[in-house]
Amino acid sequence: RSSQQGANSGDGSPSSAAAETPSSEDFSLSLLDTNLPAEAETELRSFIAKRLTKGALFEGMGNVASVGLSIPEYKVGCYYCRFQQENLLEVATLESDINAPEYVVCFLGGSEKEDTFRLELDKYIQSLKINLDLEQKTLETYVNPYLRSWFENAICPIERVVQLFQEKLAFLLHAALSYTPVEVKNTDERTEKDISRFLAAASLQGLVQEGTMTSLCIAMTEEQHKSMIIDCSGPQPQLHNAGSNRFCEDWMHAFVNGAEGGNPFLFQQILENFKLKAIQDINNLKRFIRQAEMNHYALFKCYMFLKNCGSGDILLKIVRVEHAEMPEARSVVTVLEEFMRE
């Protein structure tokens, strides 16, 4: 394709590739920005060129691989993503003869654990796509600083929230699981975004049925307490209308203990395990409810499970919404609610 337009990248820098799956002759890579030493940048460029030649980069979908670079002298984890400028994508589709420039962004970290944050980095690139305008002024004032702050902005928010909330993190976990609306007051934009991101990451969005989620959000908004308020005007956040349970308190300790190591990848792993356990508990309860429709002993098992799992309040809300249209299951849930209240 056109050899005048192109770009590749080092640690946090955009780079250009070809519109179709390129062969080894029809694209070139020219550097826009990097903070890698020259030798390592050449090695990274070679790695990206091979991937492009094989057609292994899909537009807007990031990949993570281990790359051997001479500086530092060990393999590093590399997240790389090919994309086109948002406003040129439509033009190129309408007029296929136009070769709109494409870019590849690479972010390098100490290991392949960047895969843990691949979706977050995809979103980070999406925002770059929308705002990218490669006039020199924009490149220096927006694109370069944006790329260089990738680790702080895309990887560290969960760690910052854990350090800010400490033991109060249990209330945040409870709000995320129960779809309680949250209002943040008296804080800076970054902290507000961090809290919002944590709530989204800790919720079961995408793991429970969409209809259930919508109904839960409506139910929680209509409840007496309505929104949980987080006031960040003091050194420690003050929470109002906050709820918690034993399940969230246990997981809060896992996060706070993990904070001693200061490893953002560990926090992400704890968060994934937290959601996995919540989903397992929901599925177990649903199984017990199905059995309890025909068996009184299974009803007792349901009750004991709810008492002992530490998260009975939230699980009951979720199954009540999910079983609203199923008379037998709904009657089991009603009985369980009465027992739990007593």
Foldseek 3Di string as FASTA:
>chain_A
DDAVFWAAEEAQFKIWDFDAQDALPPYDIHHDDYPDPPQQRVQVRVVVSVCSNVVNADALQKDWDWGQGVVVRGTWIKIKHKHFQPVVVVVCVVPVVDTGIIIMTIHTDHHSLCVLQRVLVSVLVVVCSDPDDPDPVCCVPPRVVSRVCCCVQRQCLLLVVLVQAQLPVQLLLLCLAQVAAEAEPDDDPSNVVSSVVNSPLLHCVVVDDPQLNVVSNVVNCPDPLHYWYWYVNDSHTDIDSTDGWPLSSVLSVVSNVVSVVVDSSSSSVSSVVSSVLVSVLLVVLVVLLVVVLPDVVSLVVSLVSLVPVGNNVRSLSSVCSVCVPPVSSNVSSVVSVVVVVD
